[in-house]
């Protein structure tokens, strides 16, 4: 006579969801680290100004240091990008990525509108790493 235990046929929902959550955090954090590294490597340190459409030049090295990533557990997503500067223009990384206009004071104290042409560095880094994401998910839930 064959005897079957029905409990062995069902899975533990809490355990499976926990494994999926851990894997999601691990995979997305890893992806964020790869995008951050690619973006940092695209910013070259040089004295001159970069061409519009190519990544910006890092004259001091501050922009490279400000590119971070973080996993948001509530949304189950990863946020990758430069932090705004506290002292000085906080919109500088956004102006570099997308371009635009900003009002500044010149040396004489007059208001001047400066126009920035886009020098994207985060978008290309994301697009470069995006094809690798499905392979990171393959056989990752255990």
C-alpha atoms as a PDB file:
ATOM      1  CA  UNK A   1       0.000   0.000   0.000  1.00  0.00           C
ATOM      2  CA  UNK A   2       1.230   3.471  -0.910  1.00  0.00           C
ATOM      3  CA  UNK A   3       1.022   6.066   1.750  1.00  0.00           C
ATOM      4  CA  UNK A   4       1.463   9.705   0.840  1.00  0.00           C
ATOM      5  CA  UNK A   5       1.892  12.618   3.168  1.00  0.00           C
ATOM      6  CA  UNK A   6       0.047  15.589   1.714  1.00  0.00           C
ATOM      7  CA  UNK A   7       2.018  18.179   3.677  1.00  0.00           C
ATOM      8  CA  UNK A   8       5.113  17.422   1.609  1.00  0.00           C
ATOM      9  CA  UNK A   9       3.273  18.477  -1.540  1.00  0.00           C
ATOM     10  CA  UNK A  10       2.681  22.054  -0.420  1.00  0.00           C
ATOM     11  CA  UNK A  11       5.279  24.724  -0.070  1.00  0.00           C
ATOM     12  CA  UNK A  12       5.830  27.033   2.841  1.00  0.00           C
ATOM     13  CA  UNK A  13       4.586  30.386   1.544  1.00  0.00           C
ATOM     14  CA  UNK A  14       6.476  32.452   4.127  1.00  0.00           C
ATOM     15  CA  UNK A  15       9.732  30.702   3.340  1.00  0.00           C
ATOM     16  CA  UNK A  16       9.336  31.164  -0.425  1.00  0.00           C
ATOM     17  CA  UNK A  17       8.441  34.853  -0.112  1.00  0.00           C
ATOM     18  CA  UNK A  18      11.397  35.386   2.211  1.00  0.00           C
ATOM     19  CA  UNK A  19      13.737  33.766  -0.293  1.00  0.00           C
ATOM     20  CA  UNK A  20      12.332  35.920  -3.115  1.00  0.00           C
ATOM     21  CA  UNK A  21      12.753  39.096  -1.027  1.00  0.00           C
ATOM     22  CA  UNK A  22      16.350  38.245  -0.143  1.00  0.00           C
ATOM     23  CA  UNK A  23      17.130  37.445  -3.762  1.00  0.00           C
ATOM     24  CA  UNK A  24      15.487  40.641  -5.007  1.00  0.00           C
ATOM     25  CA  UNK A  25      17.585  42.713  -2.603  1.00  0.00           C
ATOM     26  CA  UNK A  26      20.744  40.863  -3.572  1.00  0.00           C
ATOM     27  CA  UNK A  27      20.228  41.038  -7.349  1.00  0.00           C
ATOM     28  CA  UNK A  28      19.108  44.679  -7.453  1.00  0.00           C
ATOM     29  CA  UNK A  29      21.913  45.776  -5.117  1.00  0.00           C
ATOM     30  CA  UNK A  30      24.403  44.015  -7.336  1.00  0.00           C
ATOM     31  CA  UNK A  31      22.903  45.649 -10.423  1.00  0.00           C
ATOM     32  CA  UNK A  32      23.092  49.055  -8.697  1.00  0.00           C
ATOM     33  CA  UNK A  33      26.759  48.488  -7.907  1.00  0.00           C
ATOM     34  CA  UNK A  34      27.494  47.599 -11.533  1.00  0.00           C
ATOM     35  CA  UNK A  35      25.718  50.702 -12.871  1.00  0.00           C
ATOM     36  CA  UNK A  36      27.494  52.902 -10.303  1.00  0.00           C
ATOM     37  CA  UNK A  37      30.880  51.478 -11.282  1.00  0.00           C
ATOM     38  CA  UNK A  38      30.204  51.925 -15.002  1.00  0.00           C
ATOM     39  CA  UNK A  39      29.083  55.525 -14.452  1.00  0.00           C
ATOM     40  CA  UNK A  40      32.137  56.299 -12.327  1.00  0.00           C
ATOM     41  CA  UNK A  41      34.480  54.829 -14.931  1.00  0.00           C
ATOM     42  CA  UNK A  42      32.890  56.927 -17.686  1.00  0.00           C
ATOM     43  CA  UNK A  43      33.911  60.195 -15.959  1.00  0.00           C
ATOM     44  CA  UNK A  44      37.500  60.939 -16.921  1.00  0.00           C
ATOM     45  CA  UNK A  45      39.732  63.251 -14.942  1.00  0.00           C
ATOM     46  CA  UNK A  46      41.071  65.937 -17.248  1.00  0.00           C
ATOM     47  CA  UNK A  47      41.536  69.684 -17.392  1.00  0.00           C
ATOM     48  CA  UNK A  48      39.438  70.338 -20.484  1.00  0.00           C
ATOM     49  CA  UNK A  49      35.689  70.333 -20.912  1.00  0.00           C
ATOM     50  CA  UNK A  50      34.066  67.251 -22.388  1.00  0.00           C
ATOM     51  CA  UNK A  51      32.138  67.365 -25.643  1.00  0.00           C
ATOM     52  CA  UNK A  52      28.345  67.668 -25.330  1.00  0.00           C
ATOM     53  CA  UNK A  53      26.785  64.224 -25.561  1.00  0.00           C
ATOM     54  CA  UNK A  54      29.778  62.499 -23.947  1.00  0.00           C
ATOM     55  CA  UNK A  55      30.243  61.961 -20.175  1.00  0.00           C
ATOM     56  CA  UNK A  56      31.411  64.997 -18.205  1.00  0.00           C
ATOM     57  CA  UNK A  57      34.988  65.600 -17.148  1.00  0.00           C
ATOM     58  CA  UNK A  58      35.801  65.178 -13.481  1.00  0.00           C
ATOM     59  CA  UNK A  59      38.090  68.057 -12.633  1.00  0.00           C
ATOM     60  CA  UNK A  60      38.140  67.574  -8.852  1.00  0.00           C
ATOM     61  CA  UNK A  61      36.777  64.029  -8.543  1.00  0.00           C
ATOM     62  CA  UNK A  62      33.746  65.005  -6.464  1.00  0.00           C
ATOM     63  CA  UNK A  63      31.141  63.864  -8.985  1.00  0.00           C
ATOM     64  CA  UNK A  64      32.585  60.336  -9.038  1.00  0.00           C
ATOM     65  CA  UNK A  65      32.449  60.116  -5.250  1.00  0.00           C
ATOM     66  CA  UNK A  66      28.838  61.309  -5.113  1.00  0.00           C
ATOM     67  CA  UNK A  67      27.472  58.536  -7.373  1.00  0.00           C
ATOM     68  CA  UNK A  68      25.802  56.071  -5.020  1.00  0.00           C
ATOM     69  CA  UNK A  69      23.108  53.406  -5.043  1.00  0.00           C
ATOM     70  CA  UNK A  70      20.645  52.155  -2.472  1.00  0.00           C
ATOM     71  CA  UNK A  71      18.036  49.416  -2.282  1.00  0.00           C
ATOM     72  CA  UNK A  72      14.539  50.628  -1.347  1.00  0.00           C
ATOM     73  CA  UNK A  73      12.877  47.747   0.514  1.00  0.00           C
ATOM     74  CA  UNK A  74       9.399  49.340   0.465  1.00  0.00           C
ATOM     75  CA  UNK A  75       9.312  49.626  -3.318  1.00  0.00           C
ATOM     76  CA  UNK A  76      11.619  46.685  -3.981  1.00  0.00           C
ATOM     77  CA  UNK A  77      13.725  48.794  -6.300  1.00  0.00           C
ATOM     78  CA  UNK A  78      17.183  50.279  -6.484  1.00  0.00           C
ATOM     79  CA  UNK A  79      17.984  53.991  -6.750  1.00  0.00           C
ATOM     80  CA  UNK A  80      21.222  54.839  -8.536  1.00  0.00           C
ATOM     81  CA  UNK A  81      22.673  58.284  -9.131  1.00  0.00           C
ATOM     82  CA  UNK A  82      24.627  61.252  -7.822  1.00  0.00           C
ATOM     83  CA  UNK A  83      23.691  62.908  -4.562  1.00  0.00           C
ATOM     84  CA  UNK A  84      23.038  66.647  -4.767  1.00  0.00           C
ATOM     85  CA  UNK A  85      25.738  68.875  -3.376  1.00  0.00           C
ATOM     86  CA  UNK A  86      24.927  70.570  -0.064  1.00  0.00           C
ATOM     87  CA  UNK A  87      27.176  73.560  -0.576  1.00  0.00           C
ATOM     88  CA  UNK A  88      26.846  75.170  -3.946  1.00  0.00           C
ATOM     89  CA  UNK A  89      24.564  74.254  -6.804  1.00  0.00           C
ATOM     90  CA  UNK A  90      22.490  71.204  -5.912  1.00  0.00           C
ATOM     91  CA  UNK A  91      21.162  70.840  -9.448  1.00  0.00           C
ATOM     92  CA  UNK A  92      24.607  70.417 -11.046  1.00  0.00           C
ATOM     93  CA  UNK A  93      24.418  66.617 -11.565  1.00  0.00           C
ATOM     94  CA  UNK A  94      20.966  66.948 -13.138  1.00  0.00           C
ATOM     95  CA  UNK A  95      22.185  69.741 -15.430  1.00  0.00           C
ATOM     96  CA  UNK A  96      25.102  67.572 -16.520  1.00  0.00           C
ATOM     97  CA  UNK A  97      22.857  64.584 -17.279  1.00  0.00           C
ATOM     98  CA  UNK A  98      19.975  66.336 -19.036  1.00  0.00           C
ATOM     99  CA  UNK A  99      21.188  69.852 -19.823  1.00  0.00           C
ATOM    100  CA  UNK A 100      19.142  72.964 -19.178  1.00  0.00           C
ATOM    101  CA  UNK A 101      19.404  76.474 -17.826  1.00  0.00           C
ATOM    102  CA  UNK A 102      20.425  77.754 -14.421  1.00  0.00           C
ATOM    103  CA  UNK A 103      20.512  81.239 -12.971  1.00  0.00           C
ATOM    104  CA  UNK A 104      23.778  82.198 -11.316  1.00  0.00           C
ATOM    105  CA  UNK A 105      25.477  85.298 -10.025  1.00  0.00           C
ATOM    106  CA  UNK A 106      28.600  86.297 -11.901  1.00  0.00           C
ATOM    107  CA  UNK A 107      31.726  87.779 -10.300  1.00  0.00           C
ATOM    108  CA  UNK A 108      30.172  91.231 -10.234  1.00  0.00           C
ATOM    109  CA  UNK A 109      27.034  89.985  -8.510  1.00  0.00           C
ATOM    110  CA  UNK A 110      24.760  90.224 -11.568  1.00  0.00           C
ATOM    111  CA  UNK A 111      22.217  87.511 -12.372  1.00  0.00           C
ATOM    112  CA  UNK A 112      23.244  85.514 -15.423  1.00  0.00           C
ATOM    113  CA  UNK A 113      21.480  82.595 -17.076  1.00  0.00           C
ATOM    114  CA  UNK A 114      23.859  79.784 -18.002  1.00  0.00           C
ATOM    115  CA  UNK A 115      22.871  77.170 -20.576  1.00  0.00           C
ATOM    116  CA  UNK A 116      24.199  73.648 -20.137  1.00  0.00           C
ATOM    117  CA  UNK A 117      24.277  71.102 -22.946  1.00  0.00           C
ATOM    118  CA  UNK A 118      23.651  67.501 -21.845  1.00  0.00           C
ATOM    119  CA  UNK A 119      26.586  65.310 -20.948  1.00  0.00           C
ATOM    120  CA  UNK A 120      24.843  62.083 -19.924  1.00  0.00           C
ATOM    121  CA  UNK A 121      26.658  59.598 -17.730  1.00  0.00           C
ATOM    122  CA  UNK A 122      23.971  57.744 -15.720  1.00  0.00           C
ATOM    123  CA  UNK A 123      21.631  56.893 -18.621  1.00  0.00           C
ATOM    124  CA  UNK A 124      24.343  55.295 -20.771  1.00  0.00           C
ATOM    125  CA  UNK A 125      25.710  53.386 -17.757  1.00  0.00           C
ATOM    126  CA  UNK A 126      22.217  52.014 -17.029  1.00  0.00           C
ATOM    127  CA  UNK A 127      21.637  51.028 -20.664  1.00  0.00           C
ATOM    128  CA  UNK A 128      25.050  49.364 -20.800  1.00  0.00           C
ATOM    129  CA  UNK A 129      24.328  47.187 -17.750  1.00  0.00           C
ATOM    130  CA  UNK A 130      20.621  46.495 -18.422  1.00  0.00           C
ATOM    131  CA  UNK A 131      21.182  43.483 -20.757  1.00  0.00           C
ATOM    132  CA  UNK A 132      23.063  41.720 -17.924  1.00  0.00           C
ATOM    133  CA  UNK A 133      20.114  41.900 -15.510  1.00  0.00           C
ATOM    134  CA  UNK A 134      18.200  38.794 -16.714  1.00  0.00           C
ATOM    135  CA  UNK A 135      21.312  36.660 -16.276  1.00  0.00           C
ATOM    136  CA  UNK A 136      21.602  37.875 -12.663  1.00  0.00           C
ATOM    137  CA  UNK A 137      18.071  36.581 -11.981  1.00  0.00           C
ATOM    138  CA  UNK A 138      18.683  33.170 -13.566  1.00  0.00           C
ATOM    139  CA  UNK A 139      18.597  30.417 -10.899  1.00  0.00           C
ATOM    140  CA  UNK A 140      18.905  33.009  -8.123  1.00  0.00           C
ATOM    141  CA  UNK A 141      15.966  32.022  -5.890  1.00  0.00           C
ATOM    142  CA  UNK A 142      16.952  29.074  -3.698  1.00  0.00           C
END
